[in-house]
Protein backbone atom coordinates (compact mmCIF):
# COMPACT_ATOMS: atom_id res chain seq x y z
CA UNK A 1 1.70 0.73 33.66
CA UNK A 2 1.33 -2.33 35.78
CA UNK A 3 0.69 -5.49 33.83
CA UNK A 4 -1.71 -6.89 36.51
CA UNK A 5 -3.99 -4.02 35.85
CA UNK A 6 -3.95 -4.11 32.10
CA UNK A 7 -5.22 -6.32 29.29
CA UNK A 8 -2.32 -8.22 27.72
CA UNK A 9 -3.78 -11.67 26.84
CA UNK A 10 -0.83 -13.64 25.39
CA UNK A 11 -1.05 -16.86 23.48
CA UNK A 12 1.45 -19.72 23.32
CA UNK A 13 0.50 -20.92 19.66
CA UNK A 14 -0.13 -19.06 16.42
CA UNK A 15 -3.79 -18.67 15.68
CA UNK A 16 -4.78 -20.91 12.76
CA UNK A 17 -6.21 -18.20 10.62
CA UNK A 18 -3.18 -15.89 10.93
CA UNK A 19 -1.01 -16.22 7.70
CA UNK A 20 1.67 -13.69 8.17
CA UNK A 21 4.15 -12.99 10.86
CA UNK A 22 2.80 -9.58 11.93
CA UNK A 23 -0.73 -10.91 12.14
CA UNK A 24 0.44 -13.98 14.26
CA UNK A 25 2.48 -11.92 16.64
CA UNK A 26 0.00 -9.04 17.15
CA UNK A 27 -2.47 -11.70 18.18
CA UNK A 28 -0.23 -13.89 20.21
CA UNK A 29 1.52 -10.89 22.04
CA UNK A 30 -1.85 -9.59 23.20
CA UNK A 31 -1.81 -6.48 20.95
CA UNK A 32 -5.15 -6.99 19.22
CA UNK A 33 -8.17 -9.27 18.96
CA UNK A 34 -10.30 -9.95 16.00
CA UNK A 35 -14.09 -8.97 16.30
CA UNK A 36 -15.15 -9.88 12.82
CA UNK A 37 -13.40 -10.52 9.42
CA UNK A 38 -11.09 -7.59 8.77
CA UNK A 39 -12.20 -5.88 11.97
CA UNK A 40 -10.05 -5.66 15.10
CA UNK A 41 -9.93 -4.29 18.69
CA UNK A 42 -6.69 -2.59 19.57
CA UNK A 43 -5.73 -3.60 23.06
CA UNK A 44 -3.64 -1.33 25.28
CA UNK A 45 -0.25 -2.31 23.87
CA UNK A 46 -1.26 -1.75 20.23
CA UNK A 47 -2.97 1.55 21.16
CA UNK A 48 0.34 2.76 22.62
CA UNK A 49 2.15 1.83 19.45
CA UNK A 50 -0.34 3.57 17.31
CA UNK A 51 -0.07 6.64 19.43
CA UNK A 52 3.73 6.70 18.92
CA UNK A 53 3.16 6.40 15.24
CA UNK A 54 0.59 9.16 15.22
CA UNK A 55 2.97 11.40 17.21
CA UNK A 56 5.62 11.07 14.67
CA UNK A 57 2.99 11.83 11.80
CA UNK A 58 1.78 14.84 13.74
CA UNK A 59 5.24 16.30 14.34
CA UNK A 60 6.20 15.96 10.62
CA UNK A 61 2.99 17.25 9.11
CA UNK A 62 2.94 20.22 11.55
CA UNK A 63 6.49 20.87 10.46
CA UNK A 64 5.36 20.72 6.85
CA UNK A 65 2.68 23.45 7.49
CA UNK A 66 -0.49 21.26 7.80
CA UNK A 67 -2.98 21.62 10.53
CA UNK A 68 -5.20 18.91 12.18
CA UNK A 69 -9.01 18.72 12.22
CA UNK A 70 -11.54 15.95 12.51
CA UNK A 71 -14.28 15.17 10.05
CA UNK A 72 -17.31 12.81 10.37
CA UNK A 73 -17.03 9.27 9.51
CA UNK A 74 -20.58 9.24 8.49
CA UNK A 75 -20.95 11.02 5.05
CA UNK A 76 -23.98 12.18 3.11
CA UNK A 77 -24.64 10.43 -0.16
CA UNK A 78 -25.28 13.87 -1.74
CA UNK A 79 -21.68 14.83 -1.48
CA UNK A 80 -20.54 11.66 -3.22
CA UNK A 81 -23.19 12.13 -5.87
CA UNK A 82 -21.83 15.72 -6.54
CA UNK A 83 -18.35 14.23 -7.18
CA UNK A 84 -19.91 11.30 -9.12
CA UNK A 85 -18.12 8.57 -6.97
CA UNK A 86 -21.36 7.40 -5.41
CA UNK A 87 -22.07 5.67 -8.67
CA UNK A 88 -18.43 4.47 -9.56
CA UNK A 89 -16.67 3.77 -6.27
CA UNK A 90 -18.15 0.16 -6.24
CA UNK A 91 -19.04 -2.32 -3.60
CA UNK A 92 -16.27 -1.33 -1.24
CA UNK A 93 -18.30 1.70 -0.17
CA UNK A 94 -20.31 0.83 2.93
CA UNK A 95 -23.68 2.42 2.28
CA UNK A 96 -26.59 2.72 4.53
CA UNK A 97 -29.92 4.64 5.22
CA UNK A 98 -31.04 6.42 8.29
CA UNK A 99 -34.53 6.22 9.72
CA UNK A 100 -35.70 8.88 7.33
CA UNK A 101 -34.37 6.76 4.32
CA UNK A 102 -31.63 9.30 3.62
CA UNK A 103 -28.58 7.65 2.18
CA UNK A 104 -25.22 7.77 3.85
CA UNK A 105 -21.74 6.11 3.61
CA UNK A 106 -19.07 5.24 6.19
CA UNK A 107 -16.02 7.09 4.93
CA UNK A 108 -13.31 5.21 3.03
CA UNK A 109 -11.66 8.59 2.42
CA UNK A 110 -12.80 12.22 2.67
CA UNK A 111 -12.20 14.18 -0.52
CA UNK A 112 -15.90 15.09 -0.79
CA UNK A 113 -16.28 16.15 2.83
CA UNK A 114 -13.20 18.31 2.84
CA UNK A 115 -14.00 19.88 -0.55
CA UNK A 116 -17.40 20.85 0.60
CA UNK A 117 -15.98 22.20 3.91
CA UNK A 118 -13.36 24.36 2.22
CA UNK A 119 -15.68 25.36 -0.51
CA UNK A 120 -18.07 26.85 2.03
CA UNK A 121 -15.37 28.68 3.98
CA UNK A 122 -12.65 29.82 1.61
CA UNK A 123 -13.56 32.25 -1.20
CA UNK A 124 -10.32 34.04 -2.01
CA UNK A 125 -6.91 33.06 -3.37
CA UNK A 126 -5.55 35.07 -0.42
CA UNK A 127 -6.47 32.32 1.96
CA UNK A 128 -4.49 29.71 0.00
CA UNK A 129 -2.49 27.49 0.16
CA UNK A 130 -4.13 25.51 2.95
CA UNK A 131 -3.23 22.15 4.17
CA UNK A 132 -5.53 20.17 6.52
CA UNK A 133 -5.28 16.57 7.94
CA UNK A 134 -6.99 14.19 10.21
CA UNK A 135 -6.23 10.76 11.82
CA UNK A 136 -9.43 8.67 11.83
CA UNK A 137 -10.96 5.25 11.38
CA UNK A 138 -11.93 4.47 7.81
CA UNK A 139 -14.20 1.80 6.34
CA UNK A 140 -14.04 -0.29 3.24
CA UNK A 141 -15.94 -3.48 2.52
CA UNK A 142 -12.97 -5.51 1.30
CA UNK A 143 -14.14 -8.72 -0.62
CA UNK A 144 -11.35 -10.69 0.97
CA UNK A 145 -9.75 -9.25 4.15
CA UNK A 146 -6.46 -10.93 4.86
CA UNK A 147 -3.12 -10.61 6.41
CA UNK A 148 -4.48 -9.00 9.65
CA UNK A 149 -4.02 -5.26 9.55
CA UNK A 150 -2.58 -5.22 6.04
CA UNK A 151 -6.01 -5.64 4.34
CA UNK A 152 -8.98 -4.97 6.68
CA UNK A 153 -12.45 -3.53 6.60
CA UNK A 154 -11.93 -1.08 9.24
CA UNK A 155 -8.58 0.69 9.71
CA UNK A 156 -6.85 3.84 10.98
CA UNK A 157 -5.66 6.32 8.39
CA UNK A 158 -4.11 9.71 8.29
CA UNK A 159 -5.59 11.67 5.40
CA UNK A 160 -4.54 15.14 4.45
CA UNK A 161 -5.72 17.52 1.79
CA UNK A 162 -4.25 20.69 0.29
CA UNK A 163 -5.85 23.42 -1.59
CA UNK A 164 -4.10 25.95 -4.04
CA UNK A 165 -4.57 28.82 -6.37
CA UNK A 166 -1.87 27.65 -8.84
CA UNK A 167 -0.14 24.51 -10.08
CA UNK A 168 3.26 25.85 -8.79
CA UNK A 169 1.75 26.12 -5.17
CA UNK A 170 0.57 22.50 -5.44
CA UNK A 171 3.99 21.31 -6.55
CA UNK A 172 5.54 23.10 -3.64
CA UNK A 173 3.41 21.48 -1.08
CA UNK A 174 3.43 18.14 -2.80
CA UNK A 175 7.29 18.27 -2.45
CA UNK A 176 6.86 19.10 1.32
CA UNK A 177 4.52 16.20 1.83
CA UNK A 178 6.93 13.92 0.03
CA UNK A 179 9.67 14.90 2.25
CA UNK A 180 7.47 14.70 5.40
CA UNK A 181 6.46 11.14 4.44
CA UNK A 182 10.05 10.11 3.84
CA UNK A 183 10.86 11.49 7.41
CA UNK A 184 7.95 9.70 8.90
CA UNK A 185 8.86 6.37 7.49
CA UNK A 186 12.57 6.74 8.35
CA UNK A 187 11.64 7.62 11.94
CA UNK A 188 9.39 4.55 12.05
CA UNK A 189 12.54 2.54 11.16
CA UNK A 190 11.08 1.10 8.02
CA UNK A 191 12.96 -0.18 5.01
CA UNK A 192 10.89 1.56 2.33
CA UNK A 193 10.95 2.98 -1.24
CA UNK A 194 8.97 5.96 -2.73
CA UNK A 195 7.64 4.62 -6.08
CA UNK A 196 5.83 6.16 -9.02
CA UNK A 197 2.25 5.01 -8.90
CA UNK A 198 -1.26 5.03 -10.45
CA UNK A 199 -3.88 7.24 -8.92
CA UNK A 200 -6.72 4.71 -9.50
CA UNK A 201 -10.24 5.72 -8.37
CA UNK A 202 -8.88 8.84 -6.69
CA UNK A 203 -8.30 10.69 -9.92
CA UNK A 204 -5.58 13.18 -10.70
CA UNK A 205 -2.04 12.87 -11.94
CA UNK A 206 1.42 12.75 -10.46
CA UNK A 207 1.39 10.22 -7.57
CA UNK A 208 3.83 8.36 -5.48
CA UNK A 209 3.27 5.31 -3.17
CA UNK A 210 5.46 4.72 -0.17
CA UNK A 211 6.21 0.98 -0.15
CA UNK A 212 7.78 -1.02 2.66
CA UNK A 213 9.90 -3.84 1.32
CA UNK A 214 8.49 -7.14 2.60
CA UNK A 215 7.97 -10.69 1.29
CA UNK A 216 4.30 -10.60 2.28
CA UNK A 217 3.62 -7.36 0.32
CA UNK A 218 0.72 -7.49 -2.17
CA UNK A 219 2.29 -5.09 -4.60
CA UNK A 220 5.32 -5.54 -6.76
CA UNK A 221 7.92 -2.80 -7.21
CA UNK A 222 10.15 -2.46 -10.15
CA UNK A 223 13.36 -0.83 -9.19
CA UNK A 224 16.78 -0.19 -10.77
CA UNK A 225 19.76 -2.13 -9.56
CA UNK A 226 22.04 0.90 -9.86
CA UNK A 227 19.93 4.01 -9.21
CA UNK A 228 17.12 5.31 -6.97
CA UNK A 229 14.42 4.66 -9.65
CA UNK A 230 11.41 2.70 -8.36
CA UNK A 231 7.87 2.34 -9.52
CA UNK A 232 4.83 0.20 -9.13
CA UNK A 233 5.00 -2.38 -11.99
CA UNK A 234 1.67 -0.92 -13.34
CA UNK A 235 3.33 2.41 -13.92
CA UNK A 236 7.00 1.54 -14.86
CA UNK A 237 7.46 2.47 -18.54
CA UNK A 238 9.14 0.02 -21.00
CA UNK A 239 12.06 1.59 -22.76
CA UNK A 240 13.31 -1.57 -24.48
CA UNK A 241 14.30 -0.95 -28.14
CA UNK A 242 13.12 -3.65 -30.35
CA UNK A 243 14.97 -4.76 -33.59
CA UNK A 244 13.48 -6.69 -36.34
CA UNK A 245 15.02 -10.01 -37.28
CA UNK A 246 16.84 -9.93 -40.57
CA UNK A 247 14.84 -12.48 -42.62
CA UNK A 248 12.57 -12.25 -45.65
CA UNK A 249 8.75 -11.94 -45.08
CA UNK A 250 7.12 -15.29 -45.99
CA UNK A 251 3.63 -15.87 -47.35
CA UNK A 252 0.86 -15.72 -44.84
CA UNK A 253 -0.40 -19.25 -44.22
CA UNK A 254 -3.45 -20.48 -42.39
CA UNK A 255 -2.88 -23.71 -40.43
CA UNK A 256 -5.04 -25.95 -38.44
CA UNK A 257 -4.45 -25.87 -34.66
CA UNK A 258 -7.47 -27.89 -33.29
CA UNK A 259 -7.55 -27.78 -29.46
CA UNK A 260 -4.50 -25.58 -29.32
CA UNK A 261 -5.81 -22.59 -27.31
CA UNK A 262 -3.00 -21.10 -25.14
CA UNK A 263 0.34 -19.51 -26.10
CA UNK A 264 2.04 -22.48 -24.51
CA UNK A 265 -0.11 -24.93 -26.63
CA UNK A 266 0.55 -23.13 -29.87
CA UNK A 267 4.30 -22.83 -29.14
CA UNK A 268 4.54 -26.48 -28.59
CA UNK A 269 2.36 -27.57 -31.44
CA UNK A 270 3.96 -25.21 -34.06
CA UNK A 271 7.45 -25.36 -32.70
CA UNK A 272 7.78 -21.70 -32.17
CA UNK A 273 8.78 -19.53 -29.36
CA UNK A 274 6.44 -17.23 -27.41
CA UNK A 275 8.38 -14.28 -28.59
CA UNK A 276 7.14 -15.15 -32.20
CA UNK A 277 3.55 -15.17 -31.11
CA UNK A 278 0.89 -12.31 -31.06
CA UNK A 279 -1.36 -12.44 -28.05
CA UNK A 280 -4.65 -10.88 -29.00
CA UNK A 281 -7.16 -9.67 -26.29
CA UNK A 282 -10.47 -8.00 -26.55
CA UNK A 283 -11.07 -5.20 -23.79
CA UNK A 284 -14.18 -3.31 -23.03
CA UNK A 285 -13.15 0.26 -22.43
CA UNK A 286 -16.03 2.17 -20.77
CA UNK A 287 -18.72 1.39 -23.46
CA UNK A 288 -16.37 0.74 -26.44
CA UNK A 289 -14.27 -2.20 -27.48
CA UNK A 290 -10.55 -2.28 -28.30
CA UNK A 291 -8.45 -5.10 -29.55
CA UNK A 292 -5.09 -5.22 -27.77
CA UNK A 293 -1.97 -6.96 -29.09
CA UNK A 294 1.09 -7.93 -27.17
CA UNK A 295 3.92 -10.37 -27.73
CA UNK A 296 3.27 -13.88 -26.64
CA UNK A 297 5.69 -13.65 -23.78
CA UNK A 298 4.29 -10.37 -22.40
CA UNK A 299 1.15 -9.48 -20.49
CA UNK A 300 -1.28 -6.52 -21.19
CA UNK A 301 -0.76 -3.69 -18.51
CA UNK A 302 -4.45 -2.67 -17.97
CA UNK A 303 -3.43 0.49 -16.15
CA UNK A 304 -1.39 1.62 -19.10
CA UNK A 305 -4.24 0.73 -21.36
CA UNK A 306 -6.72 2.66 -19.26
CA UNK A 307 -4.50 5.77 -19.16
CA UNK A 308 -3.79 5.58 -22.94
CA UNK A 309 -7.46 5.41 -23.79
CA UNK A 310 -8.34 8.11 -21.12
CA UNK A 311 -11.24 6.03 -19.85
CA UNK A 312 -12.68 5.28 -16.34
CA UNK A 313 -12.38 1.49 -16.61
CA UNK A 314 -11.03 -1.33 -18.85
CA UNK A 315 -12.19 -4.98 -18.44
CA UNK A 316 -11.20 -8.08 -20.33
CA UNK A 317 -14.01 -9.29 -22.32
CA UNK A 318 -15.46 -12.69 -21.31
CA UNK A 319 -15.74 -15.72 -23.53
CA UNK A 320 -19.39 -15.13 -24.49
CA UNK A 321 -18.79 -11.41 -24.97
CA UNK A 322 -15.83 -12.20 -27.28
CA UNK A 323 -17.87 -14.76 -29.21
CA UNK A 324 -20.62 -12.14 -29.72
CA UNK A 325 -18.28 -9.35 -30.88
CA UNK A 326 -15.80 -11.21 -32.94
CA UNK A 327 -17.46 -14.49 -33.64
CA UNK A 328 -14.77 -16.83 -32.27
CA UNK A 329 -13.34 -18.21 -29.13
CA UNK A 330 -10.76 -16.38 -26.95
CA UNK A 331 -7.97 -18.81 -27.89
CA UNK A 332 -8.41 -18.18 -31.57
CA UNK A 333 -8.44 -14.34 -31.61
CA UNK A 334 -6.20 -12.38 -34.05
CA UNK A 335 -6.10 -9.04 -35.64
CA UNK A 336 -6.28 -10.09 -39.27
CA UNK A 337 -9.61 -9.13 -40.93
CA UNK A 338 -10.94 -7.32 -37.88
CA UNK A 339 -12.92 -4.16 -38.79
CA UNK A 340 -14.77 -1.43 -36.95
CA UNK A 341 -12.68 -2.02 -33.76
CA UNK A 342 -9.76 0.02 -32.70
CA UNK A 343 -6.56 -2.11 -32.63
CA UNK A 344 -3.64 -0.95 -30.31
CA UNK A 345 -0.43 -2.85 -30.03
CA UNK A 346 2.65 -2.97 -27.90
CA UNK A 347 5.87 -1.68 -29.47
CA UNK A 348 7.27 -5.22 -29.42
CA UNK A 349 4.66 -6.43 -31.82
CA UNK A 350 5.82 -4.01 -34.53
CA UNK A 351 9.22 -5.70 -34.55
CA UNK A 352 7.76 -9.13 -35.22
CA UNK A 353 8.76 -10.90 -38.54
CA UNK A 354 6.82 -14.05 -39.74
CA UNK A 355 4.92 -14.33 -36.40
CA UNK A 356 1.95 -16.41 -35.33
CA UNK A 357 -1.58 -15.25 -34.47
CA UNK A 358 -5.08 -16.56 -34.19
CA UNK A 359 -7.22 -16.71 -37.26
CA UNK A 360 -10.57 -15.68 -35.63
CA UNK A 361 -11.81 -19.13 -36.50
CA UNK A 362 -11.96 -21.98 -34.05
CA UNK A 363 -9.01 -24.47 -34.50
CA UNK A 364 -7.05 -22.24 -36.80
CA UNK A 365 -4.06 -19.91 -36.66
CA UNK A 366 -2.07 -17.85 -39.09
CA UNK A 367 1.78 -18.25 -39.57
CA UNK A 368 4.19 -15.92 -41.28
CA UNK A 369 2.21 -12.92 -39.90
CA UNK A 370 3.75 -9.54 -40.39
CA UNK A 371 2.27 -6.37 -38.79
CA UNK A 372 1.29 -3.58 -41.28
CA UNK A 373 1.45 -6.04 -44.20
CA UNK A 374 -1.28 -8.37 -42.93
CA UNK A 375 -3.20 -6.16 -40.60
CA UNK A 376 -3.35 -2.44 -39.63
CA UNK A 377 -2.73 -1.16 -36.16
CA UNK A 378 -4.30 2.17 -35.07
CA UNK A 379 -1.24 2.91 -32.84
CA UNK A 380 1.66 1.26 -31.33
CA UNK A 381 2.25 2.14 -27.62
CA UNK A 382 3.88 0.87 -24.39
CA UNK A 383 1.23 -1.59 -23.37
CA UNK A 384 2.96 -4.35 -21.37
CA UNK A 385 4.33 -4.92 -17.88
CA UNK A 386 7.97 -4.20 -17.40
CA UNK A 387 10.02 -7.39 -16.57
CA UNK A 388 13.17 -8.10 -14.51
CA UNK A 389 16.18 -7.54 -16.70
CA UNK A 390 14.46 -4.77 -18.75
CA UNK A 391 16.48 -1.49 -18.99
CA UNK A 392 15.63 0.88 -16.14
CA UNK A 393 13.41 3.77 -17.42
CA UNK A 394 15.92 6.40 -16.05
CA UNK A 395 18.63 4.87 -18.26
CA UNK A 396 20.70 3.52 -15.31
CA UNK A 397 20.94 -0.21 -14.75
CA UNK A 398 18.41 -2.91 -15.22
CA UNK A 399 14.99 -3.63 -13.47
CA UNK A 400 14.62 -5.97 -10.47
CA UNK A 401 11.44 -6.80 -8.56
CA UNK A 402 10.60 -6.66 -4.87
CA UNK A 403 7.39 -7.08 -2.99
CA UNK A 404 6.01 -4.18 -1.04
CA UNK A 405 3.34 -3.11 1.49
CA UNK A 406 1.80 0.15 0.75
CA UNK A 407 1.85 2.45 3.74
CA UNK A 408 1.45 5.84 2.14
CA UNK A 409 0.14 7.51 -1.02
CA UNK A 410 0.37 11.04 -2.25
CA UNK A 411 -1.54 12.52 -5.22
CA UNK A 412 -1.91 15.71 -7.10
CA UNK A 413 -5.67 15.73 -7.65
CA UNK A 414 -5.76 18.87 -9.62
CA UNK A 415 -9.40 20.09 -10.09
CA UNK A 416 -10.98 16.60 -10.23
CA UNK A 417 -13.13 17.36 -7.08
CA UNK A 418 -13.33 21.15 -7.03
CA UNK A 419 -14.68 21.32 -10.56
CA UNK A 420 -17.36 18.62 -9.90
CA UNK A 421 -18.33 20.12 -6.62
CA UNK A 422 -18.02 23.87 -7.63
CA UNK A 423 -15.22 24.64 -4.98
CA UNK A 424 -14.05 28.06 -6.46
CA UNK A 425 -12.10 31.01 -5.46
CA UNK A 426 -11.72 34.50 -6.74
CA UNK A 427 -8.22 35.03 -8.19
CA UNK A 428 -6.15 38.19 -8.13
CA UNK A 429 -8.33 39.62 -11.10
CA UNK A 430 -11.62 38.80 -9.37
CA UNK A 431 -12.40 35.84 -11.62
CA UNK A 432 -13.75 32.57 -10.25
CA UNK A 433 -11.57 29.56 -10.85
CA UNK A 434 -11.57 25.99 -9.23
CA UNK A 435 -9.26 25.35 -6.31
CA UNK A 436 -6.42 22.95 -7.17
CA UNK A 437 -6.11 20.07 -4.80
CA UNK A 438 -3.61 17.58 -3.49
CA UNK A 439 -4.31 14.44 -1.25
CA UNK A 440 -1.94 12.67 1.02
CA UNK A 441 -2.76 9.39 2.97
CA UNK A 442 -0.90 7.10 5.43
CA UNK A 443 -2.26 3.81 6.72
CA UNK A 444 -1.55 4.30 10.40
CA UNK A 445 -2.55 0.80 11.38
CA UNK A 446 -0.74 -0.56 8.28
CA UNK A 447 2.52 1.15 9.46
CA UNK A 448 2.14 -0.75 12.82
CA UNK A 449 1.75 -4.00 10.83
CA UNK A 450 4.72 -3.09 8.57
CA UNK A 451 7.00 -2.38 11.55
CA UNK A 452 5.78 -5.52 13.08
CA UNK A 453 6.69 -7.45 9.91
CA UNK A 454 10.19 -6.09 9.82
CA UNK A 455 11.05 -6.27 13.54
CA UNK A 456 10.64 -9.72 15.07
CA UNK A 457 12.54 -12.82 15.68
CA UNK A 458 11.66 -16.45 16.61
CA UNK A 459 10.68 -15.29 20.11
CA UNK A 460 8.49 -12.43 19.45
CA UNK A 461 8.65 -8.68 18.63
CA UNK A 462 11.78 -6.58 18.68
CA UNK A 463 10.24 -3.08 18.63
CA UNK A 464 12.39 -0.05 17.88
CA UNK A 465 12.46 2.21 20.95
CA UNK A 466 10.55 5.09 19.44
CA UNK A 467 7.73 2.81 18.33
CA UNK A 468 7.59 0.38 21.25
CA UNK A 469 4.62 0.58 23.56
CA UNK A 470 7.12 0.92 26.51
CA UNK A 471 10.87 1.44 26.62
CA UNK A 472 11.44 -1.07 29.58
CA UNK A 473 9.82 -4.35 30.74
CA UNK A 474 10.46 -4.34 34.49
CA UNK A 475 9.92 -7.92 35.86
CA UNK A 476 9.68 -8.84 39.48
CA UNK A 477 10.45 -12.56 39.41
CA UNK A 478 8.54 -13.29 42.70
CA UNK A 479 6.16 -10.64 43.87
CA UNK A 480 5.58 -12.71 47.05
CA UNK A 481 9.29 -11.83 48.06
CA UNK A 482 9.02 -8.54 49.77
CA UNK A 483 12.48 -7.37 48.85
CA UNK A 484 11.75 -8.10 45.17
CA UNK A 485 8.37 -6.34 45.45
CA UNK A 486 9.73 -3.35 47.24
CA UNK A 487 12.69 -2.85 44.79
CA UNK A 488 10.47 -3.37 41.72
CA UNK A 489 8.03 -0.54 43.02
CA UNK A 490 11.02 1.66 43.78
CA UNK A 491 12.58 1.23 40.23
CA UNK A 492 9.19 1.60 38.69
CA UNK A 493 8.88 5.02 40.14
CA UNK A 494 12.50 6.01 39.44
CA UNK A 495 12.54 4.98 35.84
CA UNK A 496 9.24 6.91 35.21
CA UNK A 497 10.62 9.94 36.83
CA UNK A 498 13.68 9.61 34.35
CA UNK A 499 11.05 9.79 31.51
CA UNK A 500 11.07 6.10 30.53
CA UNK A 501 7.89 4.42 29.59
CA UNK A 502 7.76 1.35 31.95
CA UNK A 503 5.66 -1.88 31.91
CA UNK A 504 5.91 -3.43 35.39
CA UNK A 505 5.17 -7.23 35.37
CA UNK A 506 3.80 -7.54 38.92
CA UNK A 507 1.74 -10.61 38.21
CA UNK A 508 1.78 -13.64 40.43
CA UNK A 509 3.10 -15.97 37.66
CA UNK A 510 5.96 -18.45 37.13
CA UNK A 511 9.33 -16.80 35.97
CA UNK A 512 9.25 -18.78 32.82
CA UNK A 513 5.86 -17.42 31.82
CA UNK A 514 6.93 -13.95 32.52
CA UNK A 515 10.13 -14.22 30.48
CA UNK A 516 8.38 -15.80 27.56
CA UNK A 517 5.78 -13.06 27.63
CA UNK A 518 8.44 -10.50 27.80
CA UNK A 519 10.24 -11.76 24.70
CA UNK A 520 7.01 -12.03 22.88
CA UNK A 521 5.84 -8.50 23.71
CA UNK A 522 9.25 -7.39 22.67
CA UNK A 523 10.04 -4.21 24.56
CA UNK A 524 13.69 -2.83 23.95
CA UNK A 525 15.05 -3.47 27.42
CA UNK A 526 14.11 -5.99 30.21
CA UNK A 527 15.11 -5.36 33.76
CA UNK A 528 14.76 -8.36 36.01
CA UNK A 529 14.52 -7.94 39.83
CA UNK A 530 15.34 -11.38 41.27
CA UNK A 531 17.18 -13.02 44.15
CA UNK A 532 19.78 -10.35 44.52
CA UNK A 533 17.20 -7.63 45.19
CA UNK A 534 18.37 -7.37 48.83
CA UNK A 535 21.81 -6.42 47.38
CA UNK A 536 20.42 -3.90 45.05
CA UNK A 537 21.47 -5.95 41.95
CA UNK A 538 19.37 -6.42 38.94
CA UNK A 539 19.65 -8.01 35.54
CA UNK A 540 19.49 -5.86 32.38
CA UNK A 541 18.83 -7.44 28.93
CA UNK A 542 18.96 -5.81 25.40
CA UNK A 543 15.97 -7.44 23.63
CA UNK A 544 17.58 -6.75 20.23
CA UNK A 545 21.10 -8.23 20.96
CA UNK A 546 20.28 -10.60 23.69
CA UNK A 547 23.13 -9.23 25.74
CA UNK A 548 22.75 -9.32 29.47
CA UNK A 549 24.53 -7.90 32.48
CA UNK A 550 24.00 -7.53 36.20
CA UNK A 551 24.26 -4.10 37.52
CA UNK A 552 23.76 -2.31 40.83
CA UNK A 553 20.67 -0.10 40.83
CA UNK A 554 22.95 3.00 41.02
CA UNK A 555 24.30 2.13 37.54
CA UNK A 556 21.01 0.98 36.13
CA UNK A 557 20.08 4.17 34.24
CA UNK A 558 23.47 4.28 32.73
CA UNK A 559 23.15 0.68 31.56
CA UNK A 560 19.68 1.36 30.02
CA UNK A 561 20.88 4.53 28.27
CA UNK A 562 23.48 2.46 26.44
CA UNK A 563 20.71 0.34 24.99
CA UNK A 564 18.08 3.04 24.41
CA UNK A 565 18.80 6.43 23.05
CA UNK A 566 15.98 8.80 24.18
């Protein structure tokens, strides 16, 4: 492609509203432009990067036995009403009406559409397993779009769905997709981890996220320092064994703690440690209330709580709500004397001796609190977030934290959608049974941003060769010089015939501008045609290492092949 005939509008300065490196460089290097908050146009360079990523995805999914189709982005409300998600998905679902007042949504995902499609076409177990995927634009009305392509309202996604007659078949396909995803992200040159995750609004059980390690990641990964164990912190179980302190239980005492509302306040006021305090929180679980207890230095893991209670949602009760239900302020909550509300506690609470908790009365706390003696707990469970230094759940090493960007997510949906939408098959005995489903997503535009985050320097991008929009940036220093112009055109043709993707900078621009733009765009190899064009000598530069050499055009392809493995 000739640069003079393309749209690559580079910028010298970082845009003021671009917070992270990938966002800054994708704008500066002319890869994309913002149309509205969280909505971008992909310019020619970005489109080529996306096509390279999509090519890798297609190759790996085809190898895993999946086939590609394309479904509508505009989805009927009736399908979402069948699954129940029309009422529960929330404000991120972009809803609209047509001229006949029929309701539609712009698809954030396609479980309902694919289930209805397969339901109508597949009737026998003999047609299964079946794996289908698409690459398509998705829409989610994010409350706060940020970090460019990492959290937008319109984005490119690969979503795949599998249908099965047995759980064993689903397990087999799930493993194939797991391997395909590992291959995809490896081929994309990403530093990633596959982590145990929560299925969230998607439903189903058994799920993994594929997280790219990055300082700008919005998710925290808990991983072992000595094994391959990794999980989203919401899903990492705590296996710490707690031992009670060897001291006599003292008499329960009510003490005045006026204006002392937080754990930090109480610790300072009563000269106790956070480990000796009981943090008491009221949660609303669907339409019921539950009192949750954790140690003062721990935080309640709401995902664990939701899964434990087997409810659709859990929300921390507000100040007015807490006052109405328990008759006191949030800072004075405690479990003693509470009736008619289920009390669940983290395992660490059970080991406390002579602890401290709220007295359910403004300005008062209890000291010398002992679980079981002073209050009853309906059940002790793992309810807290794992912490750095905790034992790894797999028994190997201790936990460390890292930030991650989610680029892929795979789920075992089970019969969550097929039962709701009556997607059944006849089994080998002629009995109707719901299809068993899997779901597998990759954020294609997110992958581009993740690669951009990991492959850059102070001058611009340093794209891996198989992801880069072009392999070679061919620069004619002075297009008004006939020798340079002719040699540049000759090399442009030769390199393309050698199956290299070439961007020819044939603009009438100053050399400094061309070289700065070349570093910013970040193609793997730069070939410069300059003053020695009449001798057939050009300069070759490796963008990654910065190494340069002058070579005769007869040795040019050998020099390039040392820098790029095709």
